Protein backbone atom coordinates (compact mmCIF):
# COMPACT_ATOMS: atom_id res chain seq x y z
CA UNK A 1 32.16 -42.90 -25.95
CA UNK A 2 28.81 -42.11 -24.25
CA UNK A 3 30.12 -38.62 -23.28
CA UNK A 4 26.91 -37.72 -21.12
CA UNK A 5 27.16 -41.20 -19.46
CA UNK A 6 30.93 -40.88 -18.73
CA UNK A 7 29.85 -37.09 -17.21
CA UNK A 8 27.28 -38.54 -15.02
CA UNK A 9 29.48 -41.32 -14.06
CA UNK A 10 32.16 -38.90 -13.08
CA UNK A 11 29.61 -36.81 -10.99
CA UNK A 12 28.40 -40.28 -9.18
CA UNK A 13 32.31 -40.86 -8.32
CA UNK A 14 32.57 -37.53 -6.70
CA UNK A 15 29.58 -38.18 -4.80
CA UNK A 16 31.00 -41.45 -3.34
CA UNK A 17 34.04 -39.48 -2.35
CA UNK A 18 31.63 -37.03 -0.37
CA UNK A 19 30.13 -40.25 1.12
CA UNK A 20 33.48 -41.36 2.36
CA UNK A 21 34.40 -38.20 3.84
CA UNK A 22 31.16 -37.58 5.66
CA UNK A 23 31.29 -41.27 7.03
CA UNK A 24 35.03 -40.37 8.20
CA UNK A 25 33.25 -37.52 9.91
CA UNK A 26 30.83 -39.74 11.89
CA UNK A 27 33.31 -42.09 13.13
CA UNK A 28 35.75 -39.13 14.12
CA UNK A 29 33.10 -37.14 15.96
CA UNK A 30 31.49 -40.62 17.51
CA UNK A 31 28.29 -39.33 15.65
CA UNK A 32 27.18 -42.92 14.78
CA UNK A 33 24.36 -43.20 17.84
CA UNK A 34 23.09 -39.71 16.72
CA UNK A 35 19.87 -41.35 15.41
CA UNK A 36 19.89 -44.06 18.33
CA UNK A 37 19.17 -47.54 17.29
CA UNK A 38 16.50 -46.35 14.45
CA UNK A 39 17.39 -47.21 10.56
CA UNK A 40 16.19 -45.70 8.35
CA UNK A 41 14.22 -43.29 10.45
CA UNK A 42 16.07 -41.06 12.81
CA UNK A 43 14.72 -41.21 16.53
CA UNK A 44 11.74 -42.73 15.15
CA UNK A 45 10.79 -39.73 12.89
CA UNK A 46 11.66 -39.35 9.06
CA UNK A 47 13.13 -35.68 9.90
CA UNK A 48 14.45 -35.37 13.57
CA UNK A 49 13.40 -32.26 15.34
CA UNK A 50 15.59 -30.23 17.60
CA UNK A 51 18.36 -32.52 16.66
CA UNK A 52 22.15 -32.43 18.32
CA UNK A 53 25.29 -31.83 16.42
CA UNK A 54 25.72 -35.71 16.39
CA UNK A 55 22.23 -36.24 15.31
CA UNK A 56 22.77 -33.65 12.12
CA UNK A 57 26.21 -35.30 11.45
CA UNK A 58 24.83 -39.11 11.27
CA UNK A 59 21.67 -37.75 9.70
CA UNK A 60 23.15 -35.60 6.96
CA UNK A 61 25.35 -38.91 6.31
CA UNK A 62 22.32 -41.17 5.80
CA UNK A 63 20.72 -38.51 3.42
CA UNK A 64 23.77 -38.20 1.36
CA UNK A 65 24.25 -41.78 1.13
CA UNK A 66 20.73 -42.19 0.37
CA UNK A 67 20.95 -39.96 -2.64
CA UNK A 68 24.23 -41.80 -3.78
CA UNK A 69 22.74 -44.88 -3.56
CA UNK A 70 19.85 -43.75 -5.96
CA UNK A 71 22.30 -42.13 -8.37
CA UNK A 72 24.47 -45.58 -8.44
CA UNK A 73 21.19 -47.57 -9.36
CA UNK A 74 20.46 -45.12 -12.01
CA UNK A 75 24.10 -45.14 -13.39
CA UNK A 76 23.93 -49.09 -13.57
CA UNK A 77 20.67 -48.82 -15.20
CA UNK A 78 21.78 -46.52 -17.72
CA UNK A 79 25.13 -48.11 -18.25
CA UNK A 80 23.43 -51.56 -18.83
CA UNK A 81 20.86 -49.72 -21.40
CA UNK A 82 23.25 -48.11 -23.57
CA UNK A 83 26.80 -50.04 -23.27
CA UNK A 84 26.32 -52.84 -25.55
CA UNK A 85 29.65 -54.26 -26.49
CA UNK A 86 31.81 -53.54 -23.62
CA UNK A 87 31.54 -56.52 -20.88
CA UNK A 88 34.11 -54.88 -18.42
CA UNK A 89 32.23 -51.48 -18.36
CA UNK A 90 29.05 -53.40 -17.33
CA UNK A 91 31.05 -55.44 -14.67
CA UNK A 92 32.31 -52.14 -12.81
CA UNK A 93 28.54 -50.71 -13.11
CA UNK A 94 27.62 -53.49 -11.19
CA UNK A 95 30.36 -53.62 -8.60
CA UNK A 96 29.58 -50.08 -7.43
CA UNK A 97 25.93 -51.08 -7.23
CA UNK A 98 26.85 -54.35 -5.11
CA UNK A 99 29.55 -52.96 -2.81
CA UNK A 100 27.30 -49.81 -2.22
CA UNK A 101 24.41 -52.10 -1.18
CA UNK A 102 26.81 -54.22 0.97
CA UNK A 103 28.25 -50.69 2.78
CA UNK A 104 24.48 -49.80 3.04
CA UNK A 105 23.84 -53.02 4.85
CA UNK A 106 26.88 -53.18 7.16
CA UNK A 107 25.90 -49.27 8.12
CA UNK A 108 22.08 -50.34 8.90
CA UNK A 109 23.68 -53.22 10.94
CA UNK A 110 25.88 -51.20 13.11
CA UNK A 111 23.03 -48.69 13.96
CA UNK A 112 20.68 -51.46 14.80
CA UNK A 113 22.76 -54.11 16.11
CA UNK A 114 25.69 -52.20 17.56
CA UNK A 115 28.22 -54.32 15.82
CA UNK A 116 32.16 -55.08 17.23
CA UNK A 117 34.76 -52.52 16.13
CA UNK A 118 36.26 -55.42 13.90
CA UNK A 119 33.00 -55.57 11.82
CA UNK A 120 32.43 -51.81 11.77
CA UNK A 121 36.14 -51.36 10.17
CA UNK A 122 34.95 -53.25 7.47
CA UNK A 123 32.61 -50.39 6.24
CA UNK A 124 35.14 -48.19 4.89
CA UNK A 125 36.96 -50.63 3.03
CA UNK A 126 33.70 -51.55 1.25
CA UNK A 127 32.96 -48.04 0.44
CA UNK A 128 36.19 -47.59 -0.92
CA UNK A 129 35.71 -50.53 -3.17
CA UNK A 130 32.61 -49.08 -4.55
CA UNK A 131 34.46 -45.52 -5.32
CA UNK A 132 37.40 -47.56 -7.13
CA UNK A 133 34.72 -49.29 -9.18
CA UNK A 134 33.18 -45.93 -10.07
CA UNK A 135 36.49 -44.57 -11.04
CA UNK A 136 37.43 -47.31 -13.02
CA UNK A 137 33.95 -46.99 -14.97
CA UNK A 138 34.52 -43.41 -15.52
CA UNK A 139 37.86 -43.87 -16.87
CA UNK A 140 36.84 -46.46 -19.32
CA UNK A 141 33.75 -44.58 -20.46
CA UNK A 142 36.08 -41.60 -21.25
CA UNK A 143 38.84 -43.84 -22.95
CA UNK A 144 36.50 -45.66 -25.01
CA UNK A 145 38.51 -48.33 -27.11
CA UNK A 146 42.07 -46.72 -26.89
CA UNK A 147 44.95 -49.56 -26.72
CA UNK A 148 47.60 -49.13 -24.15
CA UNK A 149 51.12 -50.73 -23.90
CA UNK A 150 50.99 -54.45 -22.33
CA UNK A 151 52.37 -54.50 -19.00
CA UNK A 152 54.73 -57.35 -18.03
CA UNK A 153 53.43 -60.00 -15.98
CA UNK A 154 55.94 -59.33 -13.18
CA UNK A 155 54.63 -55.80 -12.88
CA UNK A 156 51.23 -56.97 -13.43
CA UNK A 157 51.51 -59.24 -10.47
CA UNK A 158 52.82 -56.69 -7.94
CA UNK A 159 50.33 -54.35 -9.22
CA UNK A 160 47.69 -57.01 -7.88
CA UNK A 161 49.73 -57.40 -4.92
CA UNK A 162 49.55 -53.77 -4.38
CA UNK A 163 45.89 -53.35 -4.38
CA UNK A 164 45.28 -56.35 -2.22
CA UNK A 165 47.79 -54.98 0.48
CA UNK A 166 46.60 -51.80 0.19
CA UNK A 167 42.91 -53.00 1.65
CA UNK A 168 44.52 -54.77 4.33
CA UNK A 169 46.17 -51.42 5.22
CA UNK A 170 42.97 -49.80 4.91
CA UNK A 171 41.25 -52.01 7.10
CA UNK A 172 43.81 -51.66 9.83
CA UNK A 173 43.64 -47.86 9.66
CA UNK A 174 39.90 -48.30 10.08
CA UNK A 175 40.09 -50.84 13.12
CA UNK A 176 42.13 -48.18 14.81
CA UNK A 177 39.83 -45.54 14.63
CA UNK A 178 36.78 -47.83 15.56
CA UNK A 179 38.62 -49.07 18.51
CA UNK A 180 39.69 -45.45 19.69
CA UNK A 181 43.28 -46.33 19.41
CA UNK A 182 44.66 -43.50 17.64
CA UNK A 183 46.31 -41.70 20.13
CA UNK A 184 47.22 -45.02 22.37
CA UNK A 185 50.97 -44.46 21.20
CA UNK A 186 53.19 -41.71 22.58
CA UNK A 187 55.33 -40.28 20.04
CA UNK A 188 56.18 -41.04 16.37
CA UNK A 189 57.02 -43.41 14.26
CA UNK A 190 57.90 -45.78 17.25
CA UNK A 191 55.25 -45.92 20.34
CA UNK A 192 57.71 -44.55 23.06
CA UNK A 193 55.63 -45.38 26.27
CA UNK A 194 56.74 -48.16 28.81
CA UNK A 195 53.74 -50.01 28.97
CA UNK A 196 51.78 -51.19 25.97
CA UNK A 197 48.37 -51.97 25.65
CA UNK A 198 46.40 -53.97 23.06
CA UNK A 199 45.22 -50.57 21.46
CA UNK A 200 49.12 -49.34 21.34
CA UNK A 201 49.92 -52.87 19.62
CA UNK A 202 46.89 -52.11 17.16
CA UNK A 203 48.37 -48.65 16.55
CA UNK A 204 52.12 -49.63 16.03
CA UNK A 205 51.19 -52.44 13.70
CA UNK A 206 49.03 -50.30 11.61
CA UNK A 207 52.24 -48.02 11.34
CA UNK A 208 54.58 -50.34 10.36
CA UNK A 209 52.21 -51.89 7.46
CA UNK A 210 51.86 -48.17 6.31
CA UNK A 211 55.39 -47.99 6.45
CA UNK A 212 55.71 -51.30 4.13
CA UNK A 213 53.19 -50.03 1.80
CA UNK A 214 55.30 -46.90 1.02
CA UNK A 215 58.01 -49.19 0.19
CA UNK A 216 56.00 -51.52 -1.91
CA UNK A 217 54.70 -48.46 -4.07
CA UNK A 218 58.51 -47.37 -4.36
CA UNK A 219 59.46 -51.02 -5.77
CA UNK A 220 56.37 -51.02 -8.18
CA UNK A 221 57.21 -47.49 -9.39
CA UNK A 222 60.71 -48.74 -9.97
CA UNK A 223 59.47 -51.53 -11.95
CA UNK A 224 57.32 -49.38 -14.19
CA UNK A 225 60.32 -47.27 -14.58
CA UNK A 226 62.39 -49.93 -15.77
CA UNK A 227 59.70 -51.17 -18.08
CA UNK A 228 59.37 -47.74 -19.17
CA UNK A 229 55.52 -47.98 -19.33
CA UNK A 230 54.59 -44.27 -19.05
CA UNK A 231 50.97 -44.89 -17.84
CA UNK A 232 51.75 -47.28 -15.14
CA UNK A 233 54.88 -44.81 -14.28
CA UNK A 234 52.79 -41.68 -14.23
CA UNK A 235 50.21 -43.42 -12.22
CA UNK A 236 52.60 -44.90 -9.64
CA UNK A 237 54.14 -41.13 -9.42
CA UNK A 238 50.72 -39.83 -8.18
CA UNK A 239 50.27 -42.76 -5.84
CA UNK A 240 53.57 -42.16 -4.51
CA UNK A 241 52.52 -38.59 -3.70
CA UNK A 242 49.48 -39.52 -1.89
CA UNK A 243 50.85 -42.07 0.30
CA UNK A 244 53.53 -40.06 1.66
CA UNK A 245 51.07 -37.01 2.20
CA UNK A 246 48.89 -39.84 3.75
CA UNK A 247 51.98 -40.83 5.88
CA UNK A 248 52.68 -37.16 6.67
CA UNK A 249 48.96 -36.63 7.93
CA UNK A 250 49.15 -39.88 10.02
CA UNK A 251 51.94 -38.23 11.74
CA UNK A 252 50.45 -35.05 12.17
CA UNK A 253 47.07 -36.82 13.60
CA UNK A 254 49.55 -38.54 16.18
CA UNK A 255 51.53 -35.39 16.84
CA UNK A 256 48.89 -33.13 17.51
CA UNK A 257 46.33 -33.03 14.84
CA UNK A 258 43.01 -33.10 16.77
CA UNK A 259 41.05 -31.05 14.41
CA UNK A 260 38.51 -32.77 12.43
CA UNK A 261 39.71 -32.04 8.96
CA UNK A 262 43.05 -33.73 9.61
CA UNK A 263 41.70 -37.62 10.04
CA UNK A 264 39.17 -36.50 7.18
CA UNK A 265 42.03 -35.60 4.97
CA UNK A 266 43.75 -38.95 6.18
CA UNK A 267 40.96 -40.71 4.58
CA UNK A 268 40.62 -38.40 1.36
CA UNK A 269 44.35 -38.97 0.70
CA UNK A 270 44.01 -42.85 1.04
CA UNK A 271 40.91 -42.84 -1.12
CA UNK A 272 42.86 -41.11 -4.00
CA UNK A 273 45.69 -43.50 -3.66
CA UNK A 274 43.49 -46.87 -3.52
CA UNK A 275 41.65 -45.56 -6.36
CA UNK A 276 44.76 -45.04 -8.72
CA UNK A 277 46.14 -48.29 -7.82
CA UNK A 278 42.80 -50.06 -8.55
CA UNK A 279 42.92 -48.34 -12.19
CA UNK A 280 46.50 -49.77 -12.60
CA UNK A 281 45.82 -52.98 -11.41
CA UNK A 282 42.74 -53.49 -14.26
CA UNK A 283 44.64 -51.41 -16.81
CA UNK A 284 47.55 -54.49 -16.34
CA UNK A 285 44.90 -56.97 -16.56
CA UNK A 286 43.14 -55.59 -19.61
CA UNK A 287 46.25 -54.69 -21.63
CA UNK A 288 47.18 -58.25 -21.00
CA UNK A 289 43.75 -59.78 -22.03
CA UNK A 290 43.56 -57.95 -25.19
CA UNK A 291 47.36 -58.82 -26.29
CA UNK A 292 46.27 -62.62 -25.78
CA UNK A 293 43.16 -62.04 -27.75
CA UNK A 294 45.31 -60.24 -30.53
CA UNK A 295 47.70 -63.41 -30.25
CA UNK A 296 44.78 -65.57 -31.21
CA UNK A 297 43.17 -63.89 -34.08
CA UNK A 298 46.57 -64.16 -35.50
CA UNK A 299 47.30 -67.63 -35.14
């Protein structure tokens, strides 16, 4: 089904992954002000002269994000033009475009108006939703009209819940970074210092929520195995792999992983995890919807 479109969608999805990693680099290196308060220009120029390292990081992120935005627009137009009978495919193309637009507005606002840490933390999560929409779109285009086993109501509800809860955990992690609370706790997994600051509580709250996310992932995997739903089970095994590595890199950061690539790996892993969980949640909805439609046709 539309092989060229599917390949292009996969390419755009990888581009969004790059945008997420570069955005994480901007945050990690405190390069958000690398172009001053000018947007879309950089220090009042289209191409900055004699740029500092921070300017190069921020400017390259803007350039790649701009190119990615144009690719998403092209993908959305192409999808609407050639896909005639798949409403869900068009929906995810549209969602990728909308959330890309929203994250661009928030990014521009962060530069121009110097927004609060709570608002800045939304930026990564919104980009993550755009990535997940692109990933689901790509999978749907490659799958075509393939029919999958129906997911039980209980498993479906928990896949929805896991997706929503993951977004909450992602937001708290982004808030930790923007607040500068990454190293506010001594020790891991429990903060060991005698005096706790607001940043310490935020950091510890994120750790507790991340731990709960691991147990929730294990529970949903258990449900999928009990139901012998192979697709969901394989997806949940992959999700467990990524979330365990995510926890490991989180501990690595706190216990001495000061190198820039460690937080970027942290962001990459949660992006992979969220993409898989989001697809499984939509798969559960789609399988149920097709099953209901088949029952109505029989009756």
